[in-house]
Amino acid sequence: MKYLLTLAIVACLSFTAGAQKAYTTSKDEETGATIFKGQVTLADLQEESSFTWLKRGEATYKPDSNAIKYLRKELPAYTIVVLMGTWCDDSQNLIPKLTKTLEAARFPMKQFVMYGVDRAKQTGGMESKLYNVTKVPTIIVYKGNLEAGRIVESVKRDIETDLVQILQKGSAQD
């Protein structure tokens, strides 16, 4: 039931996001970095001129081609929810690698939802609590209504291999 509620909330937020910006911006008191708080899209991040880390990270990352072949075939059966901090070094490192991997795998971005959080790990809504976020980035992979796995703060090997392992673990449980 908890998972159905979570997905229903994500769906509702996705539909309302098209009408207006679903996030707020502020300046980080520690670093002066721009903080996006709330539901954001990849395009929102790309449009922010101070987020040079995104383009730089995407341009330099080369995902493993074998993992990409597997993800291209299997990942479209899943949805991905990301909670990240635009102020956070771990998010600035991992999110460009994730987006490059998803692009290479031709992942349908309509199945991708992302939220920006502040230093208190809050989105401005209930998402932080719903997704039990204590560290960022948190990348949650769902198959239907069930969580298949998550990547929290860092990867064990690399983003594409960790995603493959989540999918393989989920397939073994089917």
C-alpha atoms as a PDB file:
ATOM      1  CA  MET A   1       0.000   0.000   0.000  1.00  0.00           C
ATOM      2  CA  LYS A   2       2.861   2.364   0.853  1.00  0.00           C
ATOM      3  CA  TYR A   3       4.318   1.863  -2.624  1.00  0.00           C
ATOM      4  CA  LEU A   4       0.984   2.573  -4.315  1.00  0.00           C
ATOM      5  CA  LEU A   5       0.669   5.789  -2.338  1.00  0.00           C
ATOM      6  CA  THR A   6       4.215   6.759  -3.315  1.00  0.00           C
ATOM      7  CA  LEU A   7       3.611   6.146  -6.998  1.00  0.00           C
ATOM      8  CA  ALA A   8       0.271   7.973  -6.886  1.00  0.00           C
ATOM      9  CA  ILE A   9       1.979  11.012  -5.398  1.00  0.00           C
ATOM     10  CA  VAL A  10       4.738  10.878  -8.026  1.00  0.00           C
ATOM     11  CA  ALA A  11       2.135  10.673 -10.787  1.00  0.00           C
ATOM     12  CA  CYS A  12       0.178  13.629  -9.412  1.00  0.00           C
ATOM     13  CA  LEU A  13       3.301  15.722  -9.073  1.00  0.00           C
ATOM     14  CA  SER A  14       4.374  14.822 -12.595  1.00  0.00           C
ATOM     15  CA  PHE A  15       1.090  16.028 -14.069  1.00  0.00           C
ATOM     16  CA  THR A  16       1.152  19.341 -12.217  1.00  0.00           C
ATOM     17  CA  ALA A  17       4.809  20.003 -13.016  1.00  0.00           C
ATOM     18  CA  GLY A  18       4.077  20.924 -16.623  1.00  0.00           C
ATOM     19  CA  ALA A  19       1.999  23.971 -15.706  1.00  0.00           C
ATOM     20  CA  GLN A  20       4.613  25.761 -13.608  1.00  0.00           C
ATOM     21  CA  LYS A  21       7.980  25.280 -11.998  1.00  0.00           C
ATOM     22  CA  ALA A  22       7.641  22.693  -9.280  1.00  0.00           C
ATOM     23  CA  TYR A  23      10.772  23.840  -7.448  1.00  0.00           C
ATOM     24  CA  THR A  24      12.130  26.840  -5.612  1.00  0.00           C
ATOM     25  CA  THR A  25      15.650  28.222  -5.666  1.00  0.00           C
ATOM     26  CA  SER A  26      17.788  29.638  -2.905  1.00  0.00           C
ATOM     27  CA  LYS A  27      21.448  30.196  -2.103  1.00  0.00           C
ATOM     28  CA  ASP A  28      23.355  27.804   0.104  1.00  0.00           C
ATOM     29  CA  GLU A  29      24.556  29.614   3.217  1.00  0.00           C
ATOM     30  CA  GLU A  30      27.793  27.598   3.377  1.00  0.00           C
ATOM     31  CA  THR A  31      28.957  27.795  -0.238  1.00  0.00           C
ATOM     32  CA  GLY A  32      26.720  30.270  -2.053  1.00  0.00           C
ATOM     33  CA  ALA A  33      25.705  27.496  -4.478  1.00  0.00           C
ATOM     34  CA  THR A  34      22.250  27.532  -6.013  1.00  0.00           C
ATOM     35  CA  ILE A  35      19.858  25.111  -4.360  1.00  0.00           C
ATOM     36  CA  PHE A  36      16.927  23.646  -6.288  1.00  0.00           C
ATOM     37  CA  LYS A  37      14.249  22.373  -3.919  1.00  0.00           C
ATOM     38  CA  GLY A  38      11.286  20.364  -5.219  1.00  0.00           C
ATOM     39  CA  GLN A  39      10.580  18.427  -8.390  1.00  0.00           C
ATOM     40  CA  VAL A  40      13.074  19.278 -11.139  1.00  0.00           C
ATOM     41  CA  THR A  41      13.765  18.038 -14.623  1.00  0.00           C
ATOM     42  CA  LEU A  42      17.062  17.442 -16.320  1.00  0.00           C
ATOM     43  CA  ALA A  43      16.243  20.446 -18.518  1.00  0.00           C
ATOM     44  CA  ASP A  44      15.853  22.600 -15.377  1.00  0.00           C
ATOM     45  CA  LEU A  45      19.355  21.599 -14.278  1.00  0.00           C
ATOM     46  CA  GLN A  46      20.781  22.148 -17.766  1.00  0.00           C
ATOM     47  CA  GLU A  47      19.291  25.658 -17.936  1.00  0.00           C
ATOM     48  CA  GLU A  48      21.012  26.796 -14.716  1.00  0.00           C
ATOM     49  CA  SER A  49      24.253  28.442 -15.857  1.00  0.00           C
ATOM     50  CA  SER A  50      26.010  27.903 -12.506  1.00  0.00           C
ATOM     51  CA  PHE A  51      25.666  24.105 -12.780  1.00  0.00           C
ATOM     52  CA  THR A  52      28.819  23.679 -14.857  1.00  0.00           C
ATOM     53  CA  TRP A  53      29.384  20.363 -13.057  1.00  0.00           C
ATOM     54  CA  LEU A  54      26.508  18.808 -15.018  1.00  0.00           C
ATOM     55  CA  LYS A  55      27.837  19.420 -18.539  1.00  0.00           C
ATOM     56  CA  ARG A  56      31.415  18.736 -17.501  1.00  0.00           C
ATOM     57  CA  GLY A  57      30.459  15.456 -15.825  1.00  0.00           C
ATOM     58  CA  GLU A  58      28.345  14.283 -18.757  1.00  0.00           C
ATOM     59  CA  ALA A  59      31.049  15.196 -21.279  1.00  0.00           C
ATOM     60  CA  THR A  60      33.807  13.285 -19.521  1.00  0.00           C
ATOM     61  CA  TYR A  61      31.930  10.147 -18.459  1.00  0.00           C
ATOM     62  CA  LYS A  62      32.163   6.997 -20.589  1.00  0.00           C
ATOM     63  CA  PRO A  63      29.749   4.281 -19.425  1.00  0.00           C
ATOM     64  CA  ASP A  64      30.681   0.626 -19.897  1.00  0.00           C
ATOM     65  CA  SER A  65      29.251  -0.560 -23.227  1.00  0.00           C
ATOM     66  CA  ASN A  66      28.345  -4.061 -21.990  1.00  0.00           C
ATOM     67  CA  ALA A  67      26.360  -2.633 -19.095  1.00  0.00           C
ATOM     68  CA  ILE A  68      24.659  -0.192 -21.471  1.00  0.00           C
ATOM     69  CA  LYS A  69      23.564  -3.063 -23.758  1.00  0.00           C
ATOM     70  CA  TYR A  70      21.964  -4.805 -20.787  1.00  0.00           C
ATOM     71  CA  LEU A  71      20.333  -1.599 -19.498  1.00  0.00           C
ATOM     72  CA  ARG A  72      19.005  -0.723 -22.951  1.00  0.00           C
ATOM     73  CA  LYS A  73      17.143  -4.029 -22.981  1.00  0.00           C
ATOM     74  CA  GLU A  74      15.990  -4.270 -19.345  1.00  0.00           C
ATOM     75  CA  LEU A  75      15.759  -0.776 -17.839  1.00  0.00           C
ATOM     76  CA  PRO A  76      12.618   0.408 -19.717  1.00  0.00           C
ATOM     77  CA  ALA A  77      10.569  -1.937 -17.499  1.00  0.00           C
ATOM     78  CA  TYR A  78      11.518   0.217 -14.481  1.00  0.00           C
ATOM     79  CA  THR A  79      10.990   3.723 -13.167  1.00  0.00           C
ATOM     80  CA  ILE A  80      13.650   5.787 -11.419  1.00  0.00           C
ATOM     81  CA  VAL A  81      13.203   8.368  -8.668  1.00  0.00           C
ATOM     82  CA  VAL A  82      16.165  10.558  -7.719  1.00  0.00           C
ATOM     83  CA  LEU A  83      16.584  12.874  -4.764  1.00  0.00           C
ATOM     84  CA  MET A  84      19.680  15.030  -5.094  1.00  0.00           C
ATOM     85  CA  GLY A  85      21.266  18.182  -3.764  1.00  0.00           C
ATOM     86  CA  THR A  86      22.491  20.701  -6.322  1.00  0.00           C
ATOM     87  CA  TRP A  87      24.844  21.933  -3.566  1.00  0.00           C
ATOM     88  CA  CYS A  88      26.190  18.434  -2.812  1.00  0.00           C
ATOM     89  CA  ASP A  89      29.551  17.182  -4.164  1.00  0.00           C
ATOM     90  CA  ASP A  90      28.309  13.577  -4.266  1.00  0.00           C
ATOM     91  CA  SER A  91      25.260  14.621  -6.312  1.00  0.00           C
ATOM     92  CA  GLN A  92      27.411  16.789  -8.587  1.00  0.00           C
ATOM     93  CA  ASN A  93      29.638  13.766  -9.192  1.00  0.00           C
ATOM     94  CA  LEU A  94      27.002  11.050  -9.627  1.00  0.00           C
ATOM     95  CA  ILE A  95      24.023  12.731 -11.325  1.00  0.00           C
ATOM     96  CA  PRO A  96      25.914  13.591 -14.563  1.00  0.00           C
ATOM     97  CA  LYS A  97      27.094   9.964 -14.733  1.00  0.00           C
ATOM     98  CA  LEU A  98      23.529   8.765 -14.203  1.00  0.00           C
ATOM     99  CA  THR A  99      22.092  11.043 -16.882  1.00  0.00           C
ATOM    100  CA  LYS A 100      24.818  10.052 -19.353  1.00  0.00           C
ATOM    101  CA  THR A 101      24.118   6.379 -18.612  1.00  0.00           C
ATOM    102  CA  LEU A 102      20.355   6.811 -19.033  1.00  0.00           C
ATOM    103  CA  GLU A 103      20.887   8.653 -22.306  1.00  0.00           C
ATOM    104  CA  ALA A 104      23.209   5.927 -23.614  1.00  0.00           C
ATOM    105  CA  ALA A 105      20.688   3.258 -22.542  1.00  0.00           C
ATOM    106  CA  ARG A 106      17.890   5.198 -24.275  1.00  0.00           C
ATOM    107  CA  PHE A 107      15.895   5.168 -21.052  1.00  0.00           C
ATOM    108  CA  PRO A 108      12.409   6.695 -21.461  1.00  0.00           C
ATOM    109  CA  MET A 109      12.731   9.875 -19.392  1.00  0.00           C
ATOM    110  CA  LYS A 110       8.968   9.949 -18.801  1.00  0.00           C
ATOM    111  CA  GLN A 111       9.777   7.182 -16.287  1.00  0.00           C
ATOM    112  CA  PHE A 112      12.311   9.374 -14.465  1.00  0.00           C
ATOM    113  CA  VAL A 113      11.399  11.729 -11.617  1.00  0.00           C
ATOM    114  CA  MET A 114      13.931  13.922  -9.836  1.00  0.00           C
ATOM    115  CA  TYR A 115      13.706  16.095  -6.733  1.00  0.00           C
ATOM    116  CA  GLY A 116      16.127  18.680  -5.444  1.00  0.00           C
ATOM    117  CA  VAL A 117      16.659  18.842  -1.698  1.00  0.00           C
ATOM    118  CA  ASP A 118      18.179  21.377   0.656  1.00  0.00           C
ATOM    119  CA  ARG A 119      20.856  20.567   3.245  1.00  0.00           C
ATOM    120  CA  ALA A 120      18.146  19.259   5.598  1.00  0.00           C
ATOM    121  CA  LYS A 121      17.273  16.753   2.800  1.00  0.00           C
ATOM    122  CA  GLN A 122      13.837  18.352   2.356  1.00  0.00           C
ATOM    123  CA  THR A 123      12.051  18.831  -0.977  1.00  0.00           C
ATOM    124  CA  GLY A 124       9.398  21.202   0.272  1.00  0.00           C
ATOM    125  CA  GLY A 125       6.878  18.347   0.082  1.00  0.00           C
ATOM    126  CA  MET A 126       6.554  14.873   1.567  1.00  0.00           C
ATOM    127  CA  GLU A 127       8.988  13.114  -0.776  1.00  0.00           C
ATOM    128  CA  SER A 128      11.955  12.964   1.611  1.00  0.00           C
ATOM    129  CA  LYS A 129       9.819  11.145   4.153  1.00  0.00           C
ATOM    130  CA  LEU A 130       8.073   8.924   1.597  1.00  0.00           C
ATOM    131  CA  TYR A 131      11.361   7.805   0.087  1.00  0.00           C
ATOM    132  CA  ASN A 132      13.212   7.669   3.443  1.00  0.00           C
ATOM    133  CA  VAL A 133      16.056   9.915   2.291  1.00  0.00           C
ATOM    134  CA  THR A 134      18.913  10.520   4.703  1.00  0.00           C
ATOM    135  CA  LYS A 135      21.784  11.017   2.219  1.00  0.00           C
ATOM    136  CA  VAL A 136      22.039  12.370  -1.303  1.00  0.00           C
ATOM    137  CA  PRO A 137      21.981  11.499  -3.981  1.00  0.00           C
ATOM    138  CA  THR A 138      19.458   8.728  -3.472  1.00  0.00           C
ATOM    139  CA  ILE A 139      18.552   6.891  -6.679  1.00  0.00           C
ATOM    140  CA  ILE A 140      15.596   4.531  -6.285  1.00  0.00           C
ATOM    141  CA  VAL A 141      14.701   1.969  -8.945  1.00  0.00           C
ATOM    142  CA  TYR A 142      11.127   0.652  -9.045  1.00  0.00           C
ATOM    143  CA  LYS A 143       9.624  -2.236 -10.938  1.00  0.00           C
ATOM    144  CA  GLY A 144       5.911  -1.612 -10.886  1.00  0.00           C
ATOM    145  CA  ASN A 145       5.013  -0.634  -7.344  1.00  0.00           C
ATOM    146  CA  LEU A 146       7.964  -2.335  -5.691  1.00  0.00           C
ATOM    147  CA  GLU A 147      11.396  -0.930  -4.958  1.00  0.00           C
ATOM    148  CA  ALA A 148      13.972  -3.055  -6.781  1.00  0.00           C
ATOM    149  CA  GLY A 149      16.907  -1.293  -5.148  1.00  0.00           C
ATOM    150  CA  ARG A 150      18.602   2.005  -4.465  1.00  0.00           C
ATOM    151  CA  ILE A 151      21.945   3.707  -4.733  1.00  0.00           C
ATOM    152  CA  VAL A 152      22.688   6.016  -1.819  1.00  0.00           C
ATOM    153  CA  GLU A 153      25.392   8.685  -1.863  1.00  0.00           C
ATOM    154  CA  SER A 154      27.961   6.696  -3.854  1.00  0.00           C
ATOM    155  CA  VAL A 155      28.307   3.645  -6.064  1.00  0.00           C
ATOM    156  CA  LYS A 156      29.999   0.344  -5.306  1.00  0.00           C
ATOM    157  CA  ARG A 157      31.625   0.120  -8.729  1.00  0.00           C
ATOM    158  CA  ASP A 158      30.114   2.571 -11.226  1.00  0.00           C
ATOM    159  CA  ILE A 159      26.586   3.806 -11.870  1.00  0.00           C
ATOM    160  CA  GLU A 160      25.819   1.527 -14.816  1.00  0.00           C
ATOM    161  CA  THR A 161      27.158  -1.631 -13.131  1.00  0.00           C
ATOM    162  CA  ASP A 162      25.295  -0.843  -9.915  1.00  0.00           C
ATOM    163  CA  LEU A 163      22.076  -0.373 -11.932  1.00  0.00           C
ATOM    164  CA  VAL A 164      22.654  -3.706 -13.705  1.00  0.00           C
ATOM    165  CA  GLN A 165      23.102  -5.404 -10.322  1.00  0.00           C
ATOM    166  CA  ILE A 166      19.841  -3.896  -9.047  1.00  0.00           C
ATOM    167  CA  LEU A 167      17.965  -5.141 -12.125  1.00  0.00           C
ATOM    168  CA  GLN A 168      19.524  -8.593 -11.941  1.00  0.00           C
ATOM    169  CA  LYS A 169      18.655  -8.867  -8.249  1.00  0.00           C
ATOM    170  CA  GLY A 170      15.088  -7.798  -9.066  1.00  0.00           C
ATOM    171  CA  SER A 171      14.832 -10.348 -11.886  1.00  0.00           C
ATOM    172  CA  ALA A 172      16.021 -13.132  -9.582  1.00  0.00           C
ATOM    173  CA  GLN A 173      13.170 -12.305  -7.178  1.00  0.00           C
ATOM    174  CA  ASP A 174      10.458 -12.437  -9.891  1.00  0.00           C
END
